[in-house]
Amino acid sequence: MHPKAILGACSELLQDVLTFEHPADAVVSRYFREHRSLGPRERGTLAETVYAVLRRKLLFDHLAPSGSGPKARRLAILGFQGPRDFLLAALDEPEKRWLAQCDAVDRQALLERHRHNLPEWLVEPLKAQLGAEFWALAECFNEPAPLDLRVNAFTDKREDVQAELRRAGIAAVATPYSPWGLRLADKPALTRLEAFTRGAFEVQDEGSQLLALLLEARRGEMVVDFCAGAGGKTLALGAVMRSTGRLYAFDTSAHRLEALKPRLARSKLSNVHPAAIAHERDERIKRLAGKIDRVIVDAPCSGLGTLRRNPDLKWRQSPQAVAEMTVKQAAILRSAARLLKSGGRLVYATCSVLPAENEDIAAAFTAELAETFRPLPVADILQHVKVTQPGLTAGPDGGAYLRLWPHRHQTDGFFAAAWERR
């Protein structure tokens, strides 16, 4: 496509995304379905431009008024993720001069909000946790995330898949924490690879892989993934269990569970049983009460640990939404806990960076059910599964909880707590 056509498409797509009526990835996917003539490179430019604008929206909103023309076009120019000479070919002379002026602005002289590009309600809890380290996280949130893969340990070895990717011209390095993970510098078309079609790997952030490790699911056990979604952790757990026992994948969204079916077929696992439930008190849950060995609750949350991948969340979430979410999280955790038999393990996790969704939920659960559930220090579990690198845990004694930060660990932001039923 001609540079002017690409820039026009970027502007058009941004116009739709910035209404924030729907998740950005859904809007982008719909646009691509409606414009099937776009090639892979053009789609990449459009998507990355949209996400660049969402990441640095406050800065670009600050710079945009000094230009002319439709605002969506000005934002698309500022965030354009293609070669600079390609972009310049789409601009008139006043736009070129304006862009040069914007490039010359000293970013360090700007107001804090134009540097961190976060809503003010989110800044305070992050600064309270991180202090001066806040700025490293803020800058990390403004960059794209790497692409992590989880090798299917049921069918393949990590080093073999790594070598297979290398032969296909794809560089991948072993992740530092997960024994199943590979990290890619680029984002190639993985679905065309034979390794993908035979189920040798899945796309999954390394932090999410560690959540599955914390459960320590074993062969022959009865295990529940209580908020399974599209099943990333379900598949990791099934591989650890060597396709034995019984692994339930529960979720209130039948649509999300449908997305698990093709992945499950590729995985070669036969012990996974997806089931849509109406709510956390569904009759299926009652029938299994006291019978389950291990339960993981990857609770619905604000998703603010995934801002590198989903930058629109910081503009679509609010303190009120988070407060409502915490009520739901506590209720889901209590209901899931009823499933466990004596000696069973419960893991609660989110991809949030807010204590209200993490430490506060875990502490309240421990206090409420102290006679029934014993907290398990996550540091001890990690040592048992041979993840011995320091700096992964936090809490009252430094080892109570898993706490992953994008700027420290190069993962999404994750939290996890664990208990054993007495």
Protein backbone atom coordinates (compact mmCIF):
# COMPACT_ATOMS: atom_id res chain seq x y z
CA MET A 1 0.00 0.00 0.00
CA HIS A 2 1.00 3.60 -0.61
CA PRO A 3 2.31 5.42 2.51
CA LYS A 4 -0.68 7.78 2.48
CA ALA A 5 -3.07 4.83 2.41
CA ILE A 6 -1.31 3.15 5.34
CA LEU A 7 -1.36 6.33 7.41
CA GLY A 8 -5.02 6.83 6.54
CA ALA A 9 -5.80 3.30 7.68
CA CYS A 10 -3.90 3.89 10.94
CA SER A 11 -5.96 7.02 11.56
CA GLU A 12 -9.21 5.22 10.80
CA LEU A 13 -8.38 2.32 13.12
CA LEU A 14 -7.27 4.66 15.91
CA GLN A 15 -10.55 6.55 15.65
CA ASP A 16 -12.39 3.32 16.49
CA VAL A 17 -9.99 2.16 19.22
CA LEU A 18 -9.96 5.48 21.10
CA THR A 19 -13.68 5.34 21.80
CA PHE A 20 -12.72 2.63 24.35
CA GLU A 21 -16.07 0.95 23.85
CA HIS A 22 -14.38 -2.42 23.27
CA PRO A 23 -10.94 -3.94 24.02
CA ALA A 24 -8.31 -2.72 21.58
CA ASP A 25 -7.36 -6.20 20.42
CA ALA A 26 -11.00 -6.93 19.54
CA VAL A 27 -11.31 -3.69 17.56
CA VAL A 28 -8.05 -4.38 15.70
CA SER A 29 -9.11 -7.95 14.88
CA ARG A 30 -12.47 -6.79 13.57
CA TYR A 31 -10.79 -4.15 11.39
CA PHE A 32 -8.52 -6.79 9.88
CA ARG A 33 -11.50 -9.05 9.15
CA GLU A 34 -13.19 -6.17 7.37
CA HIS A 35 -10.01 -5.33 5.38
CA ARG A 36 -8.74 -8.69 4.23
CA SER A 37 -6.59 -7.15 1.50
CA LEU A 38 -4.09 -5.98 4.13
CA GLY A 39 -0.87 -7.99 4.08
CA PRO A 40 1.07 -9.21 7.16
CA ARG A 41 3.48 -6.24 7.12
CA GLU A 42 0.63 -3.73 6.78
CA ARG A 43 -1.31 -5.38 9.60
CA GLY A 44 1.78 -5.28 11.77
CA THR A 45 2.28 -1.56 11.13
CA LEU A 46 -1.35 -0.75 11.91
CA ALA A 47 -1.51 -2.81 15.09
CA GLU A 48 1.81 -1.61 16.47
CA THR A 49 0.93 2.02 15.70
CA VAL A 50 -2.34 1.68 17.63
CA TYR A 51 -0.57 0.13 20.62
CA ALA A 52 2.19 2.76 20.53
CA VAL A 53 -0.42 5.51 20.77
CA LEU A 54 -2.22 3.74 23.63
CA ARG A 55 1.05 3.30 25.53
CA ARG A 56 2.06 6.98 25.27
CA LYS A 57 -1.36 8.52 24.99
CA LEU A 58 -0.84 11.33 27.53
CA LEU A 59 2.37 12.44 25.81
CA PHE A 60 0.83 12.35 22.36
CA ASP A 61 -2.32 14.14 23.60
CA HIS A 62 0.03 16.85 24.88
CA LEU A 63 1.90 17.17 21.57
CA ALA A 64 -1.04 16.78 19.18
CA PRO A 65 -2.72 20.22 19.65
CA SER A 66 0.30 22.00 18.14
CA GLY A 67 -0.38 20.28 14.81
CA SER A 68 -3.26 20.55 12.35
CA GLY A 69 -5.72 18.20 10.74
CA PRO A 70 -7.84 15.45 12.36
CA LYS A 71 -6.60 14.44 15.81
CA ALA A 72 -6.55 10.72 14.98
CA ARG A 73 -4.20 11.47 12.08
CA ARG A 74 -1.88 13.52 14.31
CA LEU A 75 -1.78 10.71 16.87
CA ALA A 76 -1.09 8.17 14.13
CA ILE A 77 1.83 10.29 12.90
CA LEU A 78 3.30 10.55 16.42
CA GLY A 79 2.99 6.84 17.09
CA PHE A 80 3.71 5.48 13.61
CA GLN A 81 5.57 2.18 13.80
CA GLY A 82 7.15 1.96 10.38
CA PRO A 83 10.28 3.33 8.70
CA ARG A 84 10.59 7.08 9.11
CA ASP A 85 11.14 7.69 5.38
CA PHE A 86 7.92 5.72 4.68
CA LEU A 87 6.01 7.96 7.08
CA LEU A 88 7.51 11.16 5.68
CA ALA A 89 6.34 10.14 2.21
CA ALA A 90 2.76 10.33 3.52
CA LEU A 91 3.09 13.83 5.04
CA ASP A 92 2.78 17.32 3.62
CA GLU A 93 5.39 19.96 4.42
CA PRO A 94 3.60 21.52 7.43
CA GLU A 95 3.19 18.04 8.95
CA LYS A 96 6.88 17.28 8.44
CA ARG A 97 7.87 20.51 10.21
CA TRP A 98 5.45 19.81 13.06
CA LEU A 99 6.78 16.25 13.48
CA ALA A 100 10.37 17.55 13.61
CA GLN A 101 9.34 20.00 16.34
CA CYS A 102 7.74 17.18 18.33
CA ASP A 103 10.86 15.04 17.93
CA ALA A 104 12.95 17.88 19.34
CA VAL A 105 10.96 18.16 22.59
CA ASP A 106 13.09 17.23 25.63
CA ARG A 107 11.13 14.35 27.18
CA GLN A 108 12.86 14.76 30.55
CA ALA A 109 11.62 18.36 30.80
CA LEU A 110 7.98 17.33 30.49
CA LEU A 111 5.49 16.97 33.33
CA GLU A 112 5.50 13.59 35.08
CA ARG A 113 2.16 12.56 33.57
CA HIS A 114 3.53 13.07 30.06
CA ARG A 115 6.51 10.89 30.92
CA HIS A 116 4.84 7.98 32.74
CA ASN A 117 1.64 7.93 30.61
CA LEU A 118 -0.42 6.38 33.40
CA PRO A 119 -3.73 7.50 34.92
CA GLU A 120 -3.18 9.32 38.22
CA TRP A 121 -5.24 6.82 40.23
CA LEU A 122 -2.74 4.11 39.26
CA VAL A 123 0.42 6.13 39.91
CA GLU A 124 0.01 6.41 43.69
CA PRO A 125 -0.21 2.66 44.52
CA LEU A 126 2.69 1.90 42.18
CA LYS A 127 4.92 4.58 43.69
CA ALA A 128 3.98 3.36 47.19
CA GLN A 129 5.22 -0.12 46.31
CA LEU A 130 8.27 0.74 44.21
CA GLY A 131 9.53 4.16 45.25
CA ALA A 132 12.10 5.48 42.78
CA GLU A 133 11.86 2.20 40.91
CA PHE A 134 8.45 3.36 39.72
CA TRP A 135 10.05 5.07 36.73
CA ALA A 136 11.69 1.86 35.52
CA LEU A 137 8.27 0.17 35.58
CA ALA A 138 6.57 3.11 33.87
CA GLU A 139 9.07 3.07 31.02
CA CYS A 140 8.80 -0.71 30.75
CA PHE A 141 5.01 -0.42 30.45
CA ASN A 142 5.59 1.94 27.51
CA GLU A 143 7.46 -0.72 25.53
CA PRO A 144 6.16 -3.86 23.78
CA ALA A 145 6.47 -7.18 25.61
CA PRO A 146 8.60 -10.04 24.28
CA LEU A 147 6.91 -13.16 22.95
CA ASP A 148 7.17 -16.18 25.27
CA LEU A 149 6.41 -19.77 24.37
CA ARG A 150 5.74 -22.75 26.63
CA VAL A 151 7.05 -26.03 25.28
CA ASN A 152 4.59 -28.90 25.70
CA ALA A 153 6.49 -31.03 28.23
CA PHE A 154 4.14 -33.95 27.56
CA THR A 155 5.34 -34.36 23.98
CA ASP A 156 8.58 -32.40 23.52
CA LYS A 157 11.79 -31.15 25.14
CA ARG A 158 12.64 -27.48 25.29
CA GLU A 159 16.07 -27.82 23.66
CA ASP A 160 14.58 -29.81 20.75
CA VAL A 161 11.92 -27.18 20.04
CA GLN A 162 14.53 -24.43 20.36
CA ALA A 163 16.66 -26.19 17.74
CA GLU A 164 13.63 -26.67 15.48
CA LEU A 165 12.84 -22.96 15.68
CA ARG A 166 16.45 -22.13 14.90
CA ARG A 167 16.28 -24.24 11.74
CA ALA A 168 13.20 -22.23 10.75
CA GLY A 169 15.21 -19.01 11.17
CA ILE A 170 13.64 -18.06 14.51
CA ALA A 171 15.98 -17.15 17.36
CA ALA A 172 14.73 -18.25 20.79
CA VAL A 173 16.44 -18.26 24.19
CA ALA A 174 15.50 -20.27 27.26
CA THR A 175 13.53 -18.27 29.82
CA PRO A 176 15.40 -17.76 33.10
CA TYR A 177 12.72 -19.04 35.48
CA SER A 178 10.34 -21.46 33.76
CA PRO A 179 11.86 -24.80 32.70
CA TRP A 180 9.41 -24.93 29.78
CA GLY A 181 9.81 -21.41 28.39
CA LEU A 182 11.40 -19.95 25.26
CA ARG A 183 11.60 -16.21 24.58
CA LEU A 184 11.56 -14.76 21.06
CA ALA A 185 12.98 -11.38 20.14
CA ASP A 186 10.62 -11.01 17.16
CA LYS A 187 7.02 -11.97 16.49
CA PRO A 188 7.09 -14.40 13.56
CA ALA A 189 4.12 -16.22 12.03
CA LEU A 190 4.24 -19.18 14.40
CA THR A 191 0.98 -20.83 13.31
CA ARG A 192 2.57 -21.83 10.01
CA LEU A 193 5.24 -23.93 11.73
CA GLU A 194 4.97 -27.70 11.92
CA ALA A 195 5.98 -27.52 15.59
CA PHE A 196 2.90 -25.40 16.27
CA THR A 197 0.45 -27.56 14.35
CA ARG A 198 1.59 -30.71 16.17
CA GLY A 199 1.24 -29.00 19.56
CA ALA A 200 4.91 -28.75 20.51
CA PHE A 201 4.42 -25.27 22.01
CA GLU A 202 1.88 -22.63 23.00
CA VAL A 203 2.23 -18.88 23.37
CA GLN A 204 2.27 -18.19 27.13
CA ASP A 205 4.03 -15.55 29.23
CA GLU A 206 6.74 -16.95 31.49
CA GLY A 207 4.98 -15.56 34.55
CA SER A 208 1.85 -17.52 33.71
CA GLN A 209 3.98 -20.65 33.38
CA LEU A 210 5.29 -20.12 36.92
CA LEU A 211 1.72 -20.07 38.24
CA ALA A 212 1.23 -23.60 36.91
CA LEU A 213 4.49 -24.66 38.54
CA LEU A 214 3.30 -23.42 41.96
CA LEU A 215 0.39 -25.85 41.97
CA GLU A 216 2.77 -28.86 41.67
CA ALA A 217 0.04 -31.00 40.09
CA ARG A 218 0.91 -34.70 40.09
CA ARG A 219 0.04 -37.74 38.04
CA GLY A 220 -3.31 -39.31 38.82
CA GLU A 221 -4.67 -36.39 40.86
CA MET A 222 -7.96 -34.52 40.57
CA VAL A 223 -7.15 -30.90 39.73
CA VAL A 224 -9.29 -27.85 38.97
CA ASP A 225 -8.36 -24.75 36.97
CA PHE A 226 -11.18 -22.66 38.41
CA CYS A 227 -11.02 -19.67 36.02
CA ALA A 228 -9.56 -21.43 33.01
CA GLY A 229 -10.30 -18.88 30.29
CA ALA A 230 -8.76 -20.06 27.02
CA GLY A 231 -6.80 -22.71 28.92
CA GLY A 232 -3.13 -21.71 28.89
CA LYS A 233 -2.50 -22.88 32.45
CA THR A 234 -4.85 -25.83 31.97
CA LEU A 235 -2.65 -27.18 29.21
CA ALA A 236 0.51 -26.59 31.25
CA LEU A 237 -1.02 -28.50 34.18
CA GLY A 238 -2.17 -31.35 31.93
CA ALA A 239 1.36 -31.75 30.58
CA VAL A 240 2.79 -31.87 34.13
CA MET A 241 0.22 -34.53 35.02
CA ARG A 242 1.35 -36.52 31.96
CA SER A 243 -2.27 -36.67 30.75
CA THR A 244 -3.30 -38.75 33.77
CA GLY A 245 -5.85 -38.12 36.50
CA ARG A 246 -8.68 -35.67 35.90
CA LEU A 247 -8.22 -31.98 35.16
CA TYR A 248 -11.31 -29.77 35.15
CA ALA A 249 -11.23 -26.48 33.25
CA PHE A 250 -14.05 -24.34 34.66
CA ASP A 251 -15.05 -20.91 33.39
CA THR A 252 -18.21 -18.84 33.26
CA SER A 253 -17.56 -18.05 29.59
CA ALA A 254 -18.42 -20.85 27.18
CA HIS A 255 -16.91 -18.70 24.43
CA ARG A 256 -13.50 -18.70 26.12
CA LEU A 257 -13.66 -22.44 26.67
CA GLU A 258 -14.44 -22.91 22.97
CA ALA A 259 -11.06 -21.32 22.24
CA LEU A 260 -9.47 -24.08 24.32
CA LYS A 261 -10.75 -26.91 22.10
CA PRO A 262 -8.32 -26.58 19.15
CA ARG A 263 -5.42 -26.01 21.55
CA LEU A 264 -6.43 -29.07 23.54
CA ALA A 265 -6.57 -31.17 20.38
CA ARG A 266 -3.03 -30.10 19.44
CA SER A 267 -1.71 -30.79 22.94
CA LYS A 268 -2.45 -34.56 22.78
CA LEU A 269 -3.82 -34.40 26.34
CA SER A 270 -6.74 -36.64 27.23
CA ASN A 271 -7.24 -35.77 30.90
CA VAL A 272 -8.73 -32.28 30.43
CA HIS A 273 -12.47 -31.77 30.95
CA PRO A 274 -13.70 -28.26 30.05
CA ALA A 275 -16.99 -27.21 31.64
CA ALA A 276 -18.86 -23.91 31.54
CA ILE A 277 -20.33 -22.91 34.90
CA ALA A 278 -23.00 -20.32 35.63
CA HIS A 279 -21.17 -18.79 38.61
CA GLU A 280 -18.76 -19.72 41.41
CA ARG A 281 -21.58 -21.50 43.31
CA ASP A 282 -22.63 -23.67 40.35
CA GLU A 283 -24.04 -27.12 41.08
CA ARG A 284 -20.98 -28.71 39.45
CA ILE A 285 -18.83 -27.06 42.12
CA LYS A 286 -21.03 -28.37 44.94
CA ARG A 287 -20.78 -31.94 43.66
CA LEU A 288 -16.98 -31.83 43.75
CA ALA A 289 -16.68 -30.20 47.20
CA GLY A 290 -14.01 -31.87 49.33
CA LYS A 291 -12.85 -34.17 46.52
CA ILE A 292 -10.12 -32.19 44.71
CA ASP A 293 -6.37 -32.44 45.28
CA ARG A 294 -5.34 -29.08 43.83
CA VAL A 295 -7.12 -25.91 42.72
CA ILE A 296 -5.71 -22.86 40.95
CA VAL A 297 -7.76 -19.66 40.87
CA ASP A 298 -6.36 -17.29 38.24
CA ALA A 299 -9.00 -14.77 39.19
CA PRO A 300 -10.66 -12.20 36.94
CA CYS A 301 -8.76 -8.99 37.60
CA SER A 302 -7.92 -5.55 36.27
CA GLY A 303 -5.15 -7.04 34.09
CA LEU A 304 -2.88 -4.09 34.90
CA GLY A 305 0.18 -6.33 34.94
CA THR A 306 -0.25 -6.83 31.19
CA LEU A 307 -0.08 -3.17 30.10
CA ARG A 308 2.77 -3.88 27.69
CA ARG A 309 0.42 -6.18 25.77
CA ASN A 310 -2.90 -4.48 26.58
CA PRO A 311 -2.15 -0.77 27.03
CA ASP A 312 -5.80 0.19 26.59
CA LEU A 313 -6.57 -1.34 30.00
CA LYS A 314 -5.07 1.65 31.83
CA TRP A 315 -7.62 3.88 30.09
CA ARG A 316 -10.54 1.45 30.37
CA GLN A 317 -10.14 0.52 34.05
CA SER A 318 -11.05 2.70 37.04
CA PRO A 319 -10.82 2.61 40.84
CA GLN A 320 -14.53 1.80 40.96
CA ALA A 321 -14.08 -1.15 38.61
CA VAL A 322 -11.17 -2.45 40.69
CA ALA A 323 -13.20 -2.17 43.90
CA GLU A 324 -16.02 -4.17 42.31
CA MET A 325 -13.48 -6.71 41.08
CA THR A 326 -12.06 -7.33 44.55
CA VAL A 327 -15.49 -8.34 45.87
CA LYS A 328 -15.78 -10.87 43.06
CA GLN A 329 -12.22 -12.14 43.62
CA ALA A 330 -12.83 -12.82 47.31
CA ALA A 331 -16.08 -14.65 46.55
CA ILE A 332 -14.48 -16.80 43.84
CA LEU A 333 -11.56 -17.72 46.11
CA ARG A 334 -13.88 -18.80 48.93
CA SER A 335 -15.98 -20.92 46.58
CA ALA A 336 -12.95 -22.57 44.97
CA ALA A 337 -11.52 -23.38 48.40
CA ARG A 338 -14.53 -25.59 49.16
CA LEU A 339 -13.42 -28.03 46.47
CA LEU A 340 -10.27 -29.11 48.30
CA LYS A 341 -9.81 -32.25 50.34
CA SER A 342 -7.61 -32.31 53.44
CA GLY A 343 -3.97 -31.81 52.42
CA GLY A 344 -5.02 -30.23 49.12
CA ARG A 345 -3.31 -27.14 47.70
CA LEU A 346 -4.96 -23.87 46.70
CA VAL A 347 -3.23 -21.21 44.57
CA TYR A 348 -4.72 -17.76 44.07
CA ALA A 349 -3.25 -15.62 41.28
CA THR A 350 -3.83 -12.46 39.27
CA CYS A 351 -2.09 -10.54 36.52
CA SER A 352 -2.56 -7.32 38.48
CA VAL A 353 0.02 -5.08 40.16
CA LEU A 354 -2.41 -3.64 42.72
CA PRO A 355 -2.22 -4.78 46.37
CA ALA A 356 -6.01 -4.49 46.61
CA GLU A 357 -6.35 -7.41 44.19
CA ASN A 358 -3.37 -9.32 45.53
CA GLU A 359 -1.95 -9.12 49.06
CA ASP A 360 -5.19 -7.73 50.50
CA ILE A 361 -7.25 -10.62 49.11
CA ALA A 362 -4.72 -13.21 50.30
CA ALA A 363 -4.43 -11.71 53.79
CA ALA A 364 -8.21 -11.52 54.21
CA PHE A 365 -8.63 -15.15 53.12
CA THR A 366 -5.92 -16.31 55.55
CA ALA A 367 -7.51 -14.40 58.41
CA GLU A 368 -11.02 -15.64 57.65
CA LEU A 369 -10.12 -19.31 57.24
CA ALA A 370 -7.10 -19.66 59.51
CA GLU A 371 -8.51 -22.82 61.12
CA THR A 372 -9.02 -24.51 57.75
CA PHE A 373 -6.18 -23.29 55.52
CA ARG A 374 -2.47 -22.98 56.26
CA PRO A 375 -0.49 -20.45 54.17
CA LEU A 376 2.36 -21.99 52.17
CA PRO A 377 5.39 -19.74 51.61
CA VAL A 378 5.79 -19.44 47.85
CA ALA A 379 9.57 -19.20 48.27
CA ASP A 380 9.59 -22.77 49.64
CA ILE A 381 7.48 -24.05 46.74
CA LEU A 382 9.75 -22.39 44.17
CA GLN A 383 12.80 -23.96 45.80
CA HIS A 384 11.10 -27.36 45.72
CA VAL A 385 10.41 -27.05 41.97
CA LYS A 386 14.02 -25.88 41.47
CA VAL A 387 13.25 -22.25 40.58
CA THR A 388 16.00 -20.86 42.77
CA GLN A 389 16.68 -17.39 41.37
CA PRO A 390 16.25 -14.66 44.02
CA GLY A 391 13.87 -11.74 43.80
CA LEU A 392 10.68 -13.54 42.75
CA THR A 393 8.86 -13.37 46.08
CA ALA A 394 7.53 -10.74 48.47
CA GLY A 395 5.38 -10.45 51.55
CA PRO A 396 5.70 -10.10 55.32
CA ASP A 397 8.77 -12.33 55.51
CA GLY A 398 9.90 -11.76 51.94
CA GLY A 399 8.85 -15.21 50.77
CA ALA A 400 5.10 -15.45 51.32
CA TYR A 401 3.95 -14.50 47.82
CA LEU A 402 5.07 -14.65 44.22
CA ARG A 403 5.45 -11.07 42.93
CA LEU A 404 6.58 -10.58 39.33
CA TRP A 405 7.23 -7.16 37.79
CA PRO A 406 7.83 -6.47 34.07
CA HIS A 407 10.87 -4.24 34.67
CA ARG A 408 12.50 -6.70 37.07
CA HIS A 409 11.64 -10.08 35.63
CA GLN A 410 10.75 -9.36 31.97
CA THR A 411 7.41 -11.09 32.53
CA ASP A 412 3.94 -9.65 32.84
CA GLY A 413 3.05 -8.42 36.31
CA PHE A 414 1.83 -11.39 38.36
CA PHE A 415 0.92 -12.23 41.94
CA ALA A 416 0.29 -15.60 43.57
CA ALA A 417 -0.39 -16.95 47.06
CA ALA A 418 -0.73 -20.57 48.16
CA TRP A 419 -2.42 -22.48 50.98
CA GLU A 420 -2.83 -26.07 52.12
CA ARG A 421 -6.12 -27.35 53.51
CA ARG A 422 -5.59 -28.66 57.02
